[in-house]
Amino acid sequence: MKKIEDLKIKIFSDGADQKDMFDMNNKPFVKGLTTNPSLMKKAGIKDYKSFAEDVLAIIKEKPISFEVFSDEFDEMEKQAMEISSWADNVYVKIPITNTKGVGSIKLIRNLAQKKIKLNITAIMNVDQVKAVLSVLNQEVPSIISVFAGRVADTGRDPIPLMKNCLKEMQINKKSELLWASSRELLNIFQANEIGCHIITVTKKIINNLGLVNYNLDKYSLDTVKSFYKDAVDAEFKINN
C-alpha cells in the first residue's frame, strides 16, 4: 500500500464545524475543503453568509466550496453570483438537478459563461457528467463531484463509473473529478489508483490516516483488548 505522502490525489476535507475546518486547513496534506447545507445544519449554523465570511477570513488560499440552497434556478443564479464574490478561492456548488428533477444544465452554462468557478454536485452517472462537460467553460477551473460512496450504498461498484467519468473528462483539462461521499480510508487509495483528481473525506477518515500500513497482528490485539475493556467496564456477568 502506498504512503499518504506518495499519493497524487488531492485530499479535501468535508465538514462545517469551524474549529475542525481551521484545523484541517492547517494540515499540509489537506488541499481543499467542502461543505453543504446538510453539514451546516448539523453543525448548528444559522447565518449562512456570516459562517462563510468567518471561514474565509482564515481559509484564504485553499479552494473551498459553498453550495446554493434555493430550489428555483433564478434564485440559484443570484445566490451563486453572491457566493462567488466572497473570495477568489471559492467554488460554487450547484446540484445537478433541483428537487423536482429538473436538470440544472442551463444554469451551469450561464454561470460558466460568467467565469464562475463551479463544483457540480450530487452526480451519480456518466450521462450527467457528459451533460455538465458540454456546458462548462474550458478556460475556468471546475469540479465535477460524483457521489461514489452513495453509488456504493446501492450495491454497485463505483470504480467502473469513476473510470468512465475520467475518460469523458479528458476533453476539459480545467475540470477535475471529485470522488464524493467517501465511506472509508480505503476509498482514498481506490480513487488514487484510478487517477481521480480529488477525494472529499470527513474528519473521522482523516483521523484514521494513522492506520495506514498499521501492523495487522497488532491491530487484531488492539481489537481484542478493546472488547475486553468494554466487557469489564460494563461489568458483564453470566453466572452469579
Protein backbone atom coordinates (compact mmCIF):
# COMPACT_ATOMS: atom_id res chain seq x y z
CA MET A 1 0.00 0.00 0.00
CA LYS A 2 1.22 3.49 -0.82
CA LYS A 3 2.06 6.03 1.84
CA ILE A 4 -0.14 9.10 2.11
CA GLU A 5 2.73 11.33 1.01
CA ASP A 6 3.08 9.25 -2.17
CA LEU A 7 -0.50 9.82 -3.30
CA LYS A 8 -1.20 12.04 -6.30
CA ILE A 9 -4.86 12.58 -5.44
CA LYS A 10 -5.85 15.79 -3.64
CA ILE A 11 -7.49 15.22 -0.26
CA PHE A 12 -10.28 17.68 0.55
CA SER A 13 -11.86 17.89 4.00
CA ASP A 14 -15.66 17.77 4.14
CA GLY A 15 -17.45 19.39 7.08
CA ALA A 16 -18.99 22.51 8.61
CA ASP A 17 -17.58 22.77 12.12
CA GLN A 18 -15.41 25.90 12.05
CA LYS A 19 -12.83 24.63 14.52
CA ASP A 20 -12.43 21.41 12.55
CA MET A 21 -12.24 23.32 9.26
CA PHE A 22 -9.45 25.54 10.56
CA ASP A 23 -7.62 22.50 11.90
CA MET A 24 -7.93 20.75 8.55
CA ASN A 25 -6.75 23.89 6.75
CA ASN A 26 -3.53 23.73 8.76
CA LYS A 27 -2.74 20.20 7.60
CA PRO A 28 -0.35 20.30 4.60
CA PHE A 29 -1.84 17.15 3.01
CA VAL A 30 -5.34 18.67 3.02
CA LYS A 31 -5.50 20.55 -0.28
CA GLY A 32 -9.02 21.99 -0.08
CA LEU A 33 -12.34 21.99 1.77
CA THR A 34 -16.02 21.47 1.00
CA THR A 35 -19.28 21.87 2.87
CA ASN A 36 -23.01 21.66 2.13
CA PRO A 37 -26.34 22.75 3.67
CA SER A 38 -26.87 19.40 5.41
CA LEU A 39 -23.47 19.57 7.11
CA MET A 40 -24.11 23.19 8.06
CA LYS A 41 -27.47 22.32 9.58
CA LYS A 42 -25.86 19.50 11.57
CA ALA A 43 -23.23 21.95 12.83
CA GLY A 44 -25.95 24.33 14.01
CA ILE A 45 -25.20 27.09 11.50
CA LYS A 46 -27.98 29.71 11.40
CA ASP A 47 -26.46 32.53 9.34
CA TYR A 48 -25.03 31.18 6.09
CA LYS A 49 -23.15 34.31 4.99
CA SER A 50 -21.67 35.08 8.41
CA PHE A 51 -20.46 31.49 8.67
CA ALA A 52 -18.83 31.70 5.25
CA GLU A 53 -17.22 35.07 5.98
CA ASP A 54 -15.75 33.78 9.25
CA VAL A 55 -14.36 30.73 7.45
CA LEU A 56 -12.94 32.74 4.57
CA ALA A 57 -11.24 35.16 6.94
CA ILE A 58 -8.97 32.25 7.91
CA ILE A 59 -9.02 29.96 4.88
CA LYS A 60 -7.69 32.28 2.20
CA GLU A 61 -5.62 30.09 -0.09
CA LYS A 62 -7.02 26.57 -0.36
CA PRO A 63 -10.09 26.04 -2.58
CA ILE A 64 -13.35 25.82 -0.66
CA SER A 65 -16.83 25.01 -1.96
CA PHE A 66 -20.10 26.55 -0.72
CA GLU A 67 -23.45 25.37 -2.08
CA VAL A 68 -26.51 27.27 -3.27
CA PHE A 69 -29.67 26.33 -1.39
CA SER A 70 -32.62 27.57 -3.45
CA ASP A 71 -34.77 25.20 -5.48
CA GLU A 72 -35.55 27.83 -8.14
CA PHE A 73 -32.96 28.35 -10.84
CA ASP A 74 -33.27 32.15 -11.00
CA GLU A 75 -32.62 32.38 -7.28
CA MET A 76 -29.84 29.79 -7.53
CA GLU A 77 -28.10 32.02 -10.05
CA LYS A 78 -28.35 35.05 -7.78
CA GLN A 79 -27.01 33.03 -4.85
CA ALA A 80 -24.19 31.66 -6.99
CA MET A 81 -23.11 35.14 -8.05
CA GLU A 82 -23.15 36.32 -4.44
CA ILE A 83 -21.24 33.28 -3.12
CA SER A 84 -18.65 33.58 -5.88
CA SER A 85 -17.98 37.20 -4.91
CA TRP A 86 -16.90 36.28 -1.37
CA ALA A 87 -13.34 35.23 -2.25
CA ASP A 88 -11.15 34.10 -5.14
CA ASN A 89 -10.70 30.63 -3.64
CA VAL A 90 -14.46 29.94 -3.57
CA TYR A 91 -16.11 27.35 -5.80
CA VAL A 92 -19.90 27.47 -6.02
CA LYS A 93 -21.64 24.12 -5.64
CA ILE A 94 -24.58 23.63 -8.00
CA PRO A 95 -26.73 20.48 -7.73
CA ILE A 96 -27.17 18.57 -10.98
CA THR A 97 -30.97 18.91 -10.63
CA ASN A 98 -33.44 20.69 -8.38
CA THR A 99 -35.82 18.77 -6.10
CA LYS A 100 -38.32 18.43 -8.95
CA GLY A 101 -35.79 16.51 -11.03
CA VAL A 102 -35.34 19.36 -13.50
CA GLY A 103 -31.75 19.48 -14.74
CA SER A 104 -29.60 22.50 -13.95
CA ILE A 105 -27.59 22.43 -17.20
CA LYS A 106 -28.91 25.80 -18.41
CA LEU A 107 -27.94 27.40 -15.11
CA ILE A 108 -24.50 25.79 -15.22
CA ARG A 109 -23.99 27.15 -18.75
CA ASN A 110 -24.99 30.67 -17.66
CA LEU A 111 -22.63 30.62 -14.68
CA ALA A 112 -19.80 29.06 -16.69
CA GLN A 113 -20.11 31.82 -19.28
CA LYS A 114 -19.72 34.32 -16.44
CA LYS A 115 -16.47 32.55 -15.48
CA ILE A 116 -17.73 31.38 -12.10
CA LYS A 117 -15.68 28.55 -10.61
CA LEU A 118 -18.19 25.72 -10.22
CA ASN A 119 -18.46 22.47 -8.32
CA ILE A 120 -21.31 20.46 -9.81
CA THR A 121 -22.64 18.14 -7.13
CA ALA A 122 -24.90 15.13 -6.49
CA ILE A 123 -23.86 13.46 -9.77
CA MET A 124 -24.24 9.67 -9.99
CA ASN A 125 -23.97 8.63 -13.63
CA VAL A 126 -21.91 9.23 -16.77
CA ASP A 127 -24.74 10.88 -18.71
CA GLN A 128 -24.89 13.61 -16.07
CA VAL A 129 -21.14 14.11 -16.39
CA LYS A 130 -21.40 14.38 -20.19
CA ALA A 131 -24.17 16.96 -19.89
CA VAL A 132 -22.12 19.06 -17.49
CA LEU A 133 -19.00 18.86 -19.67
CA SER A 134 -20.98 20.12 -22.65
CA VAL A 135 -21.60 23.47 -20.96
CA LEU A 136 -18.58 24.09 -18.71
CA ASN A 137 -16.15 26.85 -19.57
CA GLN A 138 -12.91 25.12 -20.57
CA GLU A 139 -10.87 28.17 -19.53
CA VAL A 140 -12.17 28.22 -15.94
CA PRO A 141 -11.34 25.70 -13.18
CA SER A 142 -14.26 23.46 -12.25
CA ILE A 143 -15.04 20.36 -10.21
CA ILE A 144 -17.41 17.52 -11.07
CA SER A 145 -18.45 15.74 -7.87
CA VAL A 146 -19.57 12.16 -8.43
CA PHE A 147 -21.04 10.57 -5.32
CA ALA A 148 -19.14 7.31 -5.47
CA GLY A 149 -19.96 6.48 -1.86
CA ARG A 150 -23.69 6.74 -2.43
CA VAL A 151 -23.37 4.68 -5.60
CA ALA A 152 -21.65 2.01 -3.49
CA ASP A 153 -24.51 2.23 -0.98
CA THR A 154 -26.77 0.79 -3.70
CA GLY A 155 -24.61 -2.32 -4.06
CA ARG A 156 -22.88 -1.08 -7.22
CA ASP A 157 -19.11 -0.92 -7.61
CA PRO A 158 -18.36 2.79 -8.22
CA ILE A 159 -14.89 2.23 -9.71
CA PRO A 160 -16.01 1.45 -13.31
CA LEU A 161 -18.24 4.53 -13.17
CA MET A 162 -15.41 6.75 -11.96
CA LYS A 163 -13.06 5.41 -14.65
CA ASN A 164 -15.65 6.21 -17.32
CA CYS A 165 -16.09 9.71 -15.91
CA LEU A 166 -12.34 10.29 -16.11
CA LYS A 167 -12.33 9.24 -19.77
CA GLU A 168 -15.13 11.68 -20.59
CA MET A 169 -13.43 14.49 -18.70
CA GLN A 170 -10.28 14.34 -20.84
CA ILE A 171 -11.91 16.92 -23.10
CA ASN A 172 -11.67 19.57 -20.36
CA LYS A 173 -8.24 19.95 -18.77
CA LYS A 174 -9.51 22.57 -16.33
CA SER A 175 -12.13 20.27 -14.82
CA GLU A 176 -11.33 17.83 -12.00
CA LEU A 177 -13.20 14.70 -10.96
CA LEU A 178 -14.05 14.55 -7.27
CA TRP A 179 -14.84 11.24 -5.51
CA ALA A 180 -17.58 12.33 -3.12
CA SER A 181 -19.29 10.77 -0.10
CA SER A 182 -16.33 8.62 0.90
CA ARG A 183 -17.14 5.87 3.36
CA GLU A 184 -13.73 4.60 4.48
CA LEU A 185 -9.99 5.19 4.35
CA LEU A 186 -9.59 2.62 1.57
CA ASN A 187 -11.54 4.92 -0.76
CA ILE A 188 -8.59 7.33 -0.85
CA PHE A 189 -6.33 4.62 -2.25
CA GLN A 190 -9.01 3.35 -4.64
CA ALA A 191 -9.59 6.84 -6.02
CA ASN A 192 -5.85 7.49 -6.32
CA GLU A 193 -5.29 4.19 -8.14
CA ILE A 194 -7.66 5.09 -10.96
CA GLY A 195 -6.33 8.64 -11.32
CA CYS A 196 -9.18 10.54 -9.71
CA HIS A 197 -8.15 14.16 -9.10
CA ILE A 198 -9.81 14.89 -5.74
CA ILE A 199 -11.49 13.00 -2.91
CA THR A 200 -13.54 14.50 -0.08
CA VAL A 201 -13.19 12.86 3.30
CA THR A 202 -14.60 13.52 6.74
CA LYS A 203 -12.61 14.38 9.85
CA LYS A 204 -13.12 10.81 11.05
CA ILE A 205 -11.47 9.36 7.94
CA ILE A 206 -8.64 11.89 8.11
CA ASN A 207 -8.06 10.92 11.74
CA ASN A 208 -7.73 7.30 10.58
CA LEU A 209 -4.75 8.13 8.38
CA GLY A 210 -2.54 6.97 11.23
CA LEU A 211 -3.75 3.44 10.49
CA VAL A 212 -2.19 3.37 7.02
CA ASN A 213 0.09 0.31 6.86
CA TYR A 214 -0.62 -0.42 10.53
CA ASN A 215 0.54 -3.88 11.59
CA LEU A 216 -2.49 -6.18 11.35
CA ASP A 217 -1.35 -8.52 14.14
CA LYS A 218 -1.14 -5.52 16.46
CA TYR A 219 -4.49 -4.25 15.16
CA SER A 220 -6.02 -7.64 15.96
CA LEU A 221 -4.65 -7.48 19.50
CA ASP A 222 -5.84 -3.88 19.91
CA THR A 223 -9.33 -5.02 18.92
CA VAL A 224 -9.39 -7.88 21.44
CA LYS A 225 -8.19 -5.51 24.16
CA SER A 226 -10.95 -3.00 23.36
CA PHE A 227 -13.64 -5.72 23.50
CA TYR A 228 -12.27 -6.97 26.83
CA LYS A 229 -12.10 -3.46 28.31
CA ASP A 230 -15.69 -2.72 27.31
CA ALA A 231 -16.90 -6.01 28.85
CA VAL A 232 -15.08 -5.23 32.11
CA ASP A 233 -16.36 -1.64 32.17
CA ALA A 234 -19.90 -2.89 31.62
CA GLU A 235 -19.46 -5.43 34.45
CA PHE A 236 -20.98 -8.18 32.35
CA LYS A 237 -21.76 -11.47 34.14
CA ILE A 238 -23.34 -14.71 33.00
CA ASN A 239 -23.14 -16.77 36.18
CA ASN A 240 -23.72 -15.18 39.60
